[in-house]
């Protein structure tokens, strides 16, 4: 069962991601081991966003000019964030994260479709 305290911690983590603040993921899991799956999903969501958003103080490099943010803008991210917040407010933590990840997956597939010469540059394992 998700308690109000646990819900608040997960919402704070989601807000930190939305605000671009650093999160100590190990501490988050230590503080709430029963939510480790939800915390890991948030970490993955942040990693996807970080990988496709250039640092604010730098001009994007060659492929960086084709970032997701340039394709969907603030409205696209706001829509994803709002969906997460609505799901969390309804106590649907896992659903909210899955819906957000699927939304990002759809954006990637639309704007960055696979090419014949693509190769997997990152491992398909969960890391801490």
C-alpha atoms as a PDB file:
ATOM      1  CA  UNK A   1       0.000   0.000   0.000  1.00  0.00           C
ATOM      2  CA  UNK A   2       1.260   3.470  -0.846  1.00  0.00           C
ATOM      3  CA  UNK A   3       1.226   5.772   2.152  1.00  0.00           C
ATOM      4  CA  UNK A   4       0.904   9.536   1.982  1.00  0.00           C
ATOM      5  CA  UNK A   5       4.520   9.866   3.166  1.00  0.00           C
ATOM      6  CA  UNK A   6       5.707   7.531   0.396  1.00  0.00           C
ATOM      7  CA  UNK A   7       3.589   9.409  -2.158  1.00  0.00           C
ATOM      8  CA  UNK A   8       5.164  12.701  -1.052  1.00  0.00           C
ATOM      9  CA  UNK A   9       8.687  11.283  -1.447  1.00  0.00           C
ATOM     10  CA  UNK A  10       7.909  10.001  -4.946  1.00  0.00           C
ATOM     11  CA  UNK A  11       6.339  13.320  -5.921  1.00  0.00           C
ATOM     12  CA  UNK A  12       9.435  15.164  -4.659  1.00  0.00           C
ATOM     13  CA  UNK A  13      11.627  12.906  -6.807  1.00  0.00           C
ATOM     14  CA  UNK A  14       9.427  13.560  -9.867  1.00  0.00           C
ATOM     15  CA  UNK A  15       9.570  17.302  -9.188  1.00  0.00           C
ATOM     16  CA  UNK A  16      13.362  17.174  -8.876  1.00  0.00           C
ATOM     17  CA  UNK A  17      13.540  15.498 -12.286  1.00  0.00           C
ATOM     18  CA  UNK A  18      11.187  18.070 -13.813  1.00  0.00           C
ATOM     19  CA  UNK A  19      13.273  20.897 -12.315  1.00  0.00           C
ATOM     20  CA  UNK A  20      16.562  19.384 -13.517  1.00  0.00           C
ATOM     21  CA  UNK A  21      17.909  18.929  -9.980  1.00  0.00           C
ATOM     22  CA  UNK A  22      20.316  16.140  -9.072  1.00  0.00           C
ATOM     23  CA  UNK A  23      18.858  13.151  -7.231  1.00  0.00           C
ATOM     24  CA  UNK A  24      20.754  10.803  -4.939  1.00  0.00           C
ATOM     25  CA  UNK A  25      19.139   7.605  -6.204  1.00  0.00           C
ATOM     26  CA  UNK A  26      20.891   5.307  -3.729  1.00  0.00           C
ATOM     27  CA  UNK A  27      19.628   7.390  -0.812  1.00  0.00           C
ATOM     28  CA  UNK A  28      16.131   7.467  -2.285  1.00  0.00           C
ATOM     29  CA  UNK A  29      16.043   3.650  -2.358  1.00  0.00           C
ATOM     30  CA  UNK A  30      17.611   3.388   1.116  1.00  0.00           C
ATOM     31  CA  UNK A  31      14.942   5.761   2.487  1.00  0.00           C
ATOM     32  CA  UNK A  32      12.106   3.795   0.855  1.00  0.00           C
ATOM     33  CA  UNK A  33      13.153   0.284  -0.222  1.00  0.00           C
ATOM     34  CA  UNK A  34       9.518  -0.742  -0.803  1.00  0.00           C
ATOM     35  CA  UNK A  35       9.338   1.814  -3.639  1.00  0.00           C
ATOM     36  CA  UNK A  36      12.578   0.732  -5.321  1.00  0.00           C
ATOM     37  CA  UNK A  37      10.780  -0.260  -8.564  1.00  0.00           C
ATOM     38  CA  UNK A  38       9.049   3.119  -8.793  1.00  0.00           C
ATOM     39  CA  UNK A  39      12.262   4.952  -7.929  1.00  0.00           C
ATOM     40  CA  UNK A  40      14.149   2.999 -10.608  1.00  0.00           C
ATOM     41  CA  UNK A  41      11.476   3.918 -13.161  1.00  0.00           C
ATOM     42  CA  UNK A  42      11.914   7.599 -12.257  1.00  0.00           C
ATOM     43  CA  UNK A  43      15.689   7.258 -12.605  1.00  0.00           C
ATOM     44  CA  UNK A  44      15.278   5.728 -16.066  1.00  0.00           C
ATOM     45  CA  UNK A  45      12.900   8.520 -17.063  1.00  0.00           C
ATOM     46  CA  UNK A  46      15.440  11.123 -15.942  1.00  0.00           C
ATOM     47  CA  UNK A  47      18.223   9.341 -17.839  1.00  0.00           C
ATOM     48  CA  UNK A  48      16.179   9.358 -21.052  1.00  0.00           C
ATOM     49  CA  UNK A  49      15.459  13.062 -20.643  1.00  0.00           C
ATOM     50  CA  UNK A  50      19.080  13.886 -19.824  1.00  0.00           C
ATOM     51  CA  UNK A  51      20.358  11.964 -22.826  1.00  0.00           C
ATOM     52  CA  UNK A  52      18.251  14.010 -25.212  1.00  0.00           C
ATOM     53  CA  UNK A  53      18.420  17.478 -23.692  1.00  0.00           C
ATOM     54  CA  UNK A  54      21.542  19.598 -24.163  1.00  0.00           C
ATOM     55  CA  UNK A  55      23.009  21.334 -21.121  1.00  0.00           C
ATOM     56  CA  UNK A  56      21.417  24.795 -20.892  1.00  0.00           C
ATOM     57  CA  UNK A  57      24.753  26.614 -21.015  1.00  0.00           C
ATOM     58  CA  UNK A  58      26.032  24.928 -24.166  1.00  0.00           C
ATOM     59  CA  UNK A  59      25.114  25.123 -27.825  1.00  0.00           C
ATOM     60  CA  UNK A  60      24.132  21.619 -28.951  1.00  0.00           C
ATOM     61  CA  UNK A  61      26.730  19.669 -30.927  1.00  0.00           C
ATOM     62  CA  UNK A  62      26.030  17.970 -34.247  1.00  0.00           C
ATOM     63  CA  UNK A  63      23.431  15.357 -33.286  1.00  0.00           C
ATOM     64  CA  UNK A  64      22.481  17.341 -30.198  1.00  0.00           C
ATOM     65  CA  UNK A  65      20.774  19.877 -32.444  1.00  0.00           C
ATOM     66  CA  UNK A  66      18.192  17.163 -33.091  1.00  0.00           C
ATOM     67  CA  UNK A  67      17.189  16.811 -29.472  1.00  0.00           C
ATOM     68  CA  UNK A  68      13.770  15.742 -28.340  1.00  0.00           C
ATOM     69  CA  UNK A  69      13.235  19.132 -26.758  1.00  0.00           C
ATOM     70  CA  UNK A  70      13.648  20.843 -30.095  1.00  0.00           C
ATOM     71  CA  UNK A  71      11.060  18.472 -31.551  1.00  0.00           C
ATOM     72  CA  UNK A  72       8.387  18.686 -28.838  1.00  0.00           C
ATOM     73  CA  UNK A  73       9.242  21.894 -26.970  1.00  0.00           C
ATOM     74  CA  UNK A  74       8.137  22.823 -23.478  1.00  0.00           C
ATOM     75  CA  UNK A  75       4.543  21.835 -24.238  1.00  0.00           C
ATOM     76  CA  UNK A  76       5.542  18.243 -24.967  1.00  0.00           C
ATOM     77  CA  UNK A  77       7.496  17.881 -21.747  1.00  0.00           C
ATOM     78  CA  UNK A  78       4.753  19.653 -19.802  1.00  0.00           C
ATOM     79  CA  UNK A  79       2.227  17.165 -21.117  1.00  0.00           C
ATOM     80  CA  UNK A  80       4.369  14.242 -19.974  1.00  0.00           C
ATOM     81  CA  UNK A  81       5.004  15.893 -16.585  1.00  0.00           C
ATOM     82  CA  UNK A  82       1.300  16.654 -16.130  1.00  0.00           C
ATOM     83  CA  UNK A  83       0.426  13.046 -16.922  1.00  0.00           C
ATOM     84  CA  UNK A  84       2.868  11.811 -14.275  1.00  0.00           C
ATOM     85  CA  UNK A  85       1.519  14.267 -11.708  1.00  0.00           C
ATOM     86  CA  UNK A  86      -2.108  13.312 -12.418  1.00  0.00           C
ATOM     87  CA  UNK A  87      -1.333   9.611 -12.120  1.00  0.00           C
ATOM     88  CA  UNK A  88       0.670  10.121  -8.907  1.00  0.00           C
ATOM     89  CA  UNK A  89      -2.125  12.226  -7.409  1.00  0.00           C
ATOM     90  CA  UNK A  90      -4.524   9.363  -8.135  1.00  0.00           C
ATOM     91  CA  UNK A  91      -2.137   6.897  -6.474  1.00  0.00           C
ATOM     92  CA  UNK A  92      -1.295   5.270  -9.831  1.00  0.00           C
ATOM     93  CA  UNK A  93       2.480   5.525  -9.504  1.00  0.00           C
ATOM     94  CA  UNK A  94       3.531   2.636 -11.709  1.00  0.00           C
ATOM     95  CA  UNK A  95       0.926   3.511 -14.364  1.00  0.00           C
ATOM     96  CA  UNK A  96       2.082   7.130 -14.447  1.00  0.00           C
ATOM     97  CA  UNK A  97       5.694   6.147 -14.981  1.00  0.00           C
ATOM     98  CA  UNK A  98       4.853   3.533 -17.590  1.00  0.00           C
ATOM     99  CA  UNK A  99       2.665   6.037 -19.475  1.00  0.00           C
ATOM    100  CA  UNK A 100       5.462   8.628 -19.394  1.00  0.00           C
ATOM    101  CA  UNK A 101       8.058   6.152 -20.617  1.00  0.00           C
ATOM    102  CA  UNK A 102       5.721   5.060 -23.423  1.00  0.00           C
ATOM    103  CA  UNK A 103       5.135   8.695 -24.381  1.00  0.00           C
ATOM    104  CA  UNK A 104       8.898   9.280 -24.629  1.00  0.00           C
ATOM    105  CA  UNK A 105       9.251   6.017 -26.550  1.00  0.00           C
ATOM    106  CA  UNK A 106       6.643   7.253 -29.046  1.00  0.00           C
ATOM    107  CA  UNK A 107       8.442  10.581 -29.442  1.00  0.00           C
ATOM    108  CA  UNK A 108      11.747   8.815 -30.056  1.00  0.00           C
ATOM    109  CA  UNK A 109      10.174   6.487 -32.612  1.00  0.00           C
ATOM    110  CA  UNK A 110       8.551   9.413 -34.432  1.00  0.00           C
ATOM    111  CA  UNK A 111      11.482  11.806 -34.499  1.00  0.00           C
ATOM    112  CA  UNK A 112      14.427   9.405 -34.388  1.00  0.00           C
ATOM    113  CA  UNK A 113      13.336   6.230 -36.207  1.00  0.00           C
ATOM    114  CA  UNK A 114      15.812   3.350 -36.312  1.00  0.00           C
ATOM    115  CA  UNK A 115      18.180   3.211 -39.250  1.00  0.00           C
ATOM    116  CA  UNK A 116      19.717   0.161 -40.844  1.00  0.00           C
ATOM    117  CA  UNK A 117      23.161   1.047 -39.491  1.00  0.00           C
ATOM    118  CA  UNK A 118      21.986   1.656 -35.913  1.00  0.00           C
ATOM    119  CA  UNK A 119      23.744  -0.197 -33.166  1.00  0.00           C
ATOM    120  CA  UNK A 120      22.919  -0.417 -29.491  1.00  0.00           C
ATOM    121  CA  UNK A 121      25.354   1.977 -27.817  1.00  0.00           C
ATOM    122  CA  UNK A 122      24.201   1.371 -24.249  1.00  0.00           C
ATOM    123  CA  UNK A 123      23.746  -1.900 -22.388  1.00  0.00           C
ATOM    124  CA  UNK A 124      20.208  -3.209 -21.910  1.00  0.00           C
ATOM    125  CA  UNK A 125      20.731  -3.736 -18.212  1.00  0.00           C
ATOM    126  CA  UNK A 126      19.505  -1.800 -15.228  1.00  0.00           C
ATOM    127  CA  UNK A 127      22.352  -0.205 -13.320  1.00  0.00           C
ATOM    128  CA  UNK A 128      22.583   1.662 -10.045  1.00  0.00           C
END
